[in-house]
Amino acid sequence: MASCHFCGTGIAPDTAIYRNSECPQCSKPLKICLNCDFYEKGAQWDCRETIGEPVREKDRANFCDYFRLRAANGAEGSGGGSAATGKAAFDSLFDS
């Protein structure tokens, strides 16, 4: 399930997201780079998709045609897992 970048409210993955779509909890915009599956800090213009020009404000609604709601929000590139969960998974590799 996707979630709002700002407040973490769950958003159904089949929800249609438009430029004026807002989070039902905090009323912040949903069609923002920080909620997009293609957003990746450090990639060209922080986007894994080939876009023609940079989106300067990653936390504001935009007109990007490539937007796809991220399946799980969380720390950038973490896939939404916590550090403790990641460490537990790593440690389990070495259990005998």
C-alpha atoms as a PDB file:
ATOM      1  CA  MET A   1       0.000   0.000   0.000  1.00  0.00           C
ATOM      2  CA  ALA A   2       1.196   3.498  -0.786  1.00  0.00           C
ATOM      3  CA  SER A   3       1.242   6.248   1.804  1.00  0.00           C
ATOM      4  CA  CYS A   4       1.321  10.026   1.941  1.00  0.00           C
ATOM      5  CA  HIS A   5       4.879  11.344   2.152  1.00  0.00           C
ATOM      6  CA  PHE A   6       3.849  14.010   4.648  1.00  0.00           C
ATOM      7  CA  CYS A   7       1.659  12.164   7.191  1.00  0.00           C
ATOM      8  CA  GLY A   8       1.943   8.471   6.294  1.00  0.00           C
ATOM      9  CA  THR A   9      -1.778   7.947   5.675  1.00  0.00           C
ATOM     10  CA  GLY A  10      -2.346   4.848   3.540  1.00  0.00           C
ATOM     11  CA  ILE A  11      -3.452   5.399  -0.052  1.00  0.00           C
ATOM     12  CA  ALA A  12      -5.000   2.489  -1.963  1.00  0.00           C
ATOM     13  CA  PRO A  13      -2.706   1.498  -4.857  1.00  0.00           C
ATOM     14  CA  ASP A  14      -5.573   1.612  -7.359  1.00  0.00           C
ATOM     15  CA  THR A  15      -6.433   5.240  -6.465  1.00  0.00           C
ATOM     16  CA  ALA A  16      -6.327   7.529  -9.509  1.00  0.00           C
ATOM     17  CA  ILE A  17      -3.894  10.375  -8.759  1.00  0.00           C
ATOM     18  CA  TYR A  18      -4.290  13.715 -10.538  1.00  0.00           C
ATOM     19  CA  ARG A  19      -2.411  16.998 -10.130  1.00  0.00           C
ATOM     20  CA  ASN A  20      -5.100  18.268  -7.750  1.00  0.00           C
ATOM     21  CA  SER A  21      -5.385  15.018  -5.722  1.00  0.00           C
ATOM     22  CA  GLU A  22      -4.903  15.540  -1.998  1.00  0.00           C
ATOM     23  CA  CYS A  23      -4.291  13.309   0.981  1.00  0.00           C
ATOM     24  CA  PRO A  24      -7.588  12.641   2.784  1.00  0.00           C
ATOM     25  CA  GLN A  25      -5.858  13.142   6.172  1.00  0.00           C
ATOM     26  CA  CYS A  26      -3.521  16.157   5.828  1.00  0.00           C
ATOM     27  CA  SER A  27      -4.802  17.702   2.560  1.00  0.00           C
ATOM     28  CA  LYS A  28      -1.276  17.901   1.108  1.00  0.00           C
ATOM     29  CA  PRO A  29      -0.801  17.134  -2.615  1.00  0.00           C
ATOM     30  CA  LEU A  30      -0.277  13.488  -3.613  1.00  0.00           C
ATOM     31  CA  LYS A  31       1.135  13.967  -7.129  1.00  0.00           C
ATOM     32  CA  ILE A  32       4.591  14.998  -5.991  1.00  0.00           C
ATOM     33  CA  CYS A  33       8.022  13.609  -6.762  1.00  0.00           C
ATOM     34  CA  LEU A  34       8.446  12.378  -3.191  1.00  0.00           C
ATOM     35  CA  ASN A  35       5.421  10.060  -3.661  1.00  0.00           C
ATOM     36  CA  CYS A  36       6.590   8.796  -7.067  1.00  0.00           C
ATOM     37  CA  ASP A  37       8.026   5.363  -7.768  1.00  0.00           C
ATOM     38  CA  PHE A  38      10.633   6.945 -10.089  1.00  0.00           C
ATOM     39  CA  TYR A  39      11.980   9.388  -7.463  1.00  0.00           C
ATOM     40  CA  GLU A  40      15.553   8.555  -6.513  1.00  0.00           C
ATOM     41  CA  LYS A  41      17.809  11.028  -4.756  1.00  0.00           C
ATOM     42  CA  GLY A  42      21.087  11.263  -6.648  1.00  0.00           C
ATOM     43  CA  ALA A  43      19.757  10.201 -10.047  1.00  0.00           C
ATOM     44  CA  GLN A  44      19.738  12.829 -12.807  1.00  0.00           C
ATOM     45  CA  TRP A  45      17.253  15.450 -11.584  1.00  0.00           C
ATOM     46  CA  ASP A  46      16.409  12.930  -8.797  1.00  0.00           C
ATOM     47  CA  CYS A  47      14.342  10.840 -11.239  1.00  0.00           C
ATOM     48  CA  ARG A  48      14.997   7.386 -12.704  1.00  0.00           C
ATOM     49  CA  GLU A  49      12.738   8.203 -15.662  1.00  0.00           C
ATOM     50  CA  THR A  50      14.050  10.145 -18.664  1.00  0.00           C
ATOM     51  CA  ILE A  51      12.401  13.523 -18.148  1.00  0.00           C
ATOM     52  CA  GLY A  52      12.916  16.578 -20.353  1.00  0.00           C
ATOM     53  CA  GLU A  53      13.423  19.117 -17.583  1.00  0.00           C
ATOM     54  CA  PRO A  54      13.929  19.023 -13.819  1.00  0.00           C
ATOM     55  CA  VAL A  55      11.104  19.397 -11.339  1.00  0.00           C
ATOM     56  CA  ARG A  56      12.534  21.919  -8.876  1.00  0.00           C
ATOM     57  CA  GLU A  57      10.102  21.526  -5.976  1.00  0.00           C
ATOM     58  CA  LYS A  58       9.841  17.819  -5.186  1.00  0.00           C
ATOM     59  CA  ASP A  59       7.180  18.349  -2.500  1.00  0.00           C
ATOM     60  CA  ARG A  60       4.711  20.324  -4.657  1.00  0.00           C
ATOM     61  CA  ALA A  61       2.108  19.075  -7.150  1.00  0.00           C
ATOM     62  CA  ASN A  62       3.368  18.864 -10.729  1.00  0.00           C
ATOM     63  CA  PHE A  63       2.317  17.890 -14.255  1.00  0.00           C
ATOM     64  CA  CYS A  64       4.746  14.988 -14.780  1.00  0.00           C
ATOM     65  CA  ASP A  65       3.354  12.379 -17.189  1.00  0.00           C
ATOM     66  CA  TYR A  66       5.552   9.625 -15.726  1.00  0.00           C
ATOM     67  CA  PHE A  67       4.162   9.814 -12.179  1.00  0.00           C
ATOM     68  CA  ARG A  68       3.441   6.424 -10.628  1.00  0.00           C
ATOM     69  CA  LEU A  69       2.411   6.180  -6.976  1.00  0.00           C
ATOM     70  CA  ARG A  70       5.180   4.562  -4.938  1.00  0.00           C
ATOM     71  CA  ALA A  71       4.067   1.230  -3.479  1.00  0.00           C
ATOM     72  CA  ALA A  72       5.621   1.861  -0.037  1.00  0.00           C
ATOM     73  CA  ASN A  73       6.955   5.159   1.267  1.00  0.00           C
ATOM     74  CA  GLY A  74       9.641   5.537   3.875  1.00  0.00           C
ATOM     75  CA  ALA A  75      13.249   6.561   3.904  1.00  0.00           C
ATOM     76  CA  GLU A  76      14.602   7.179   0.427  1.00  0.00           C
ATOM     77  CA  GLY A  77      15.459   3.948  -1.296  1.00  0.00           C
ATOM     78  CA  SER A  78      14.514   1.863   1.728  1.00  0.00           C
ATOM     79  CA  GLY A  79      11.278   0.466   0.379  1.00  0.00           C
ATOM     80  CA  GLY A  80       9.554   1.560   3.583  1.00  0.00           C
ATOM     81  CA  GLY A  81      11.339  -0.783   6.002  1.00  0.00           C
ATOM     82  CA  SER A  82      12.818   0.318   9.294  1.00  0.00           C
ATOM     83  CA  ALA A  83      16.493   0.087  10.181  1.00  0.00           C
ATOM     84  CA  ALA A  84      15.713  -2.494  12.858  1.00  0.00           C
ATOM     85  CA  THR A  85      13.855  -4.673  10.333  1.00  0.00           C
ATOM     86  CA  GLY A  86      16.759  -4.428   7.885  1.00  0.00           C
ATOM     87  CA  LYS A  87      19.320  -5.307  10.549  1.00  0.00           C
ATOM     88  CA  ALA A  88      17.251  -8.282  11.679  1.00  0.00           C
ATOM     89  CA  ALA A  89      17.056  -9.536   8.088  1.00  0.00           C
ATOM     90  CA  PHE A  90      20.821  -9.094   7.678  1.00  0.00           C
ATOM     91  CA  ASP A  91      21.601 -10.847  10.957  1.00  0.00           C
ATOM     92  CA  SER A  92      19.340 -13.774  10.002  1.00  0.00           C
ATOM     93  CA  LEU A  93      21.664 -14.500   7.061  1.00  0.00           C
ATOM     94  CA  PHE A  94      24.358 -15.559   9.508  1.00  0.00           C
ATOM     95  CA  ASP A  95      22.251 -17.635  11.893  1.00  0.00           C
ATOM     96  CA  SER A  96      23.172 -21.297  11.773  1.00  0.00           C
END
